[in-house]
Protein backbone atom coordinates (compact mmCIF):
# COMPACT_ATOMS: atom_id res chain seq x y z
CA MET A 1 0.00 0.00 0.00
CA THR A 2 1.33 3.42 -0.92
CA LYS A 3 1.58 6.38 1.44
CA SER A 4 -1.05 8.29 -0.57
CA GLN A 5 -3.47 5.35 -0.26
CA ARG A 6 -2.99 5.32 3.51
CA ASN A 7 -3.53 9.10 3.66
CA ARG A 8 -6.81 8.75 1.77
CA GLY A 9 -7.91 5.85 3.99
CA GLU A 10 -7.85 3.40 1.07
CA ARG A 11 -7.20 -0.27 1.47
CA GLY A 12 -5.00 -2.20 -0.94
CA ILE A 13 -7.76 -4.50 -2.21
CA TRP A 14 -8.88 -2.75 -5.42
CA GLN A 15 -6.67 -1.44 -8.16
CA PRO A 16 -7.27 2.30 -8.70
CA ARG A 17 -9.40 1.89 -11.83
CA PHE A 18 -11.72 -0.69 -10.26
CA TRP A 19 -14.57 -0.04 -7.87
CA GLU A 20 -17.51 -1.79 -6.30
CA HIS A 21 -21.04 -1.12 -7.46
CA THR A 22 -24.26 -1.95 -5.64
CA VAL A 23 -27.02 -2.95 -8.06
CA ARG A 24 -29.94 -0.66 -7.26
CA ASP A 25 -32.82 -2.02 -9.32
CA GLU A 26 -33.78 -4.20 -12.29
CA GLU A 27 -32.73 -1.55 -14.82
CA ASP A 28 -29.32 -1.24 -13.17
CA LEU A 29 -28.93 -5.03 -13.25
CA GLU A 30 -29.70 -4.99 -16.99
CA ARG A 31 -27.06 -2.28 -17.53
CA CYS A 32 -24.50 -4.40 -15.66
CA ALA A 33 -25.35 -7.47 -17.76
CA ASP A 34 -25.11 -5.39 -20.95
CA TYR A 35 -21.72 -4.07 -19.86
CA ILE A 36 -20.40 -7.56 -19.11
CA HIS A 37 -21.72 -9.04 -22.34
CA TRP A 38 -20.49 -6.15 -24.52
CA ASN A 39 -16.97 -6.06 -23.02
CA PRO A 40 -15.31 -8.77 -25.21
CA ARG A 41 -16.64 -7.00 -28.32
CA LYS A 42 -15.61 -3.58 -27.03
CA HIS A 43 -12.04 -4.79 -26.57
CA GLN A 44 -12.08 -6.39 -30.04
CA LEU A 45 -11.66 -9.94 -28.78
CA VAL A 46 -14.58 -11.03 -30.98
CA GLU A 47 -16.51 -9.66 -33.93
CA ARG A 48 -19.93 -10.16 -32.33
CA VAL A 49 -21.07 -10.50 -28.72
CA ARG A 50 -22.32 -14.04 -29.41
CA ASP A 51 -18.82 -15.10 -30.54
CA TRP A 52 -17.38 -14.99 -26.98
CA LYS A 53 -17.87 -18.64 -26.03
CA TRP A 54 -17.20 -18.14 -22.31
CA SER A 55 -19.98 -15.59 -21.90
CA SER A 56 -23.19 -15.98 -19.93
CA PHE A 57 -24.73 -14.20 -22.94
CA HIS A 58 -25.71 -17.57 -24.44
CA ARG A 59 -27.69 -18.51 -21.33
CA PHE A 60 -29.37 -15.09 -21.35
CA VAL A 61 -30.37 -15.66 -25.01
CA GLU A 62 -31.84 -19.09 -24.11
CA GLN A 63 -33.83 -17.44 -21.31
CA GLY A 64 -35.19 -14.79 -23.68
CA HIS A 65 -33.37 -11.77 -22.23
CA TYR A 66 -31.48 -11.03 -25.46
CA GLU A 67 -31.83 -11.70 -29.17
CA ILE A 68 -28.90 -13.74 -30.54
CA ASP A 69 -27.70 -10.76 -32.59
CA TRP A 70 -27.89 -8.30 -29.66
CA GLY A 71 -25.21 -5.66 -29.98
CA GLY A 72 -24.38 -6.68 -33.53
CA THR A 73 -21.09 -4.97 -34.23
CA ALA A 74 -22.04 -1.56 -32.79
CA PRO A 75 -22.41 -0.72 -29.09
CA PRO A 76 -25.92 -1.16 -27.72
CA SER A 77 -27.37 2.35 -27.44
CA VAL A 78 -30.38 1.27 -25.38
CA ASN A 79 -28.47 1.24 -22.10
CA ASP A 80 -26.03 4.13 -22.58
CA ALA A 81 -23.01 2.03 -23.53
CA ASP A 82 -20.85 5.17 -23.61
CA ASP A 83 -21.60 5.93 -19.97
CA TRP A 84 -20.59 2.75 -18.16
CA GLY A 85 -18.19 4.61 -15.90
CA GLU A 86 -14.99 3.49 -17.57
CA PRO A 87 -12.16 5.82 -18.45
CA THR A 88 -12.32 6.84 -22.09
CA SER A 89 -9.49 7.21 -24.53
CA LYS A 90 -10.89 10.44 -26.03
């Protein structure tokens, strides 16, 4: 733990760019799921969300929460994909 972390009362558990988030309601839960499912596409690990074989996205599709082509190749605009609290490279 660094001196500045101690001065701010921080613990050494989380890296600076990570934080905890309490899910507040159903809409917030949907935003979190969207964020998780979009992440491999965002970081160009796959061409489409459905191509990430380790994702829970496939189970969500089976349960009717998403269409198989959700997200396509562009960020989902429905849940404010640009405002997921991550640092931007702008």
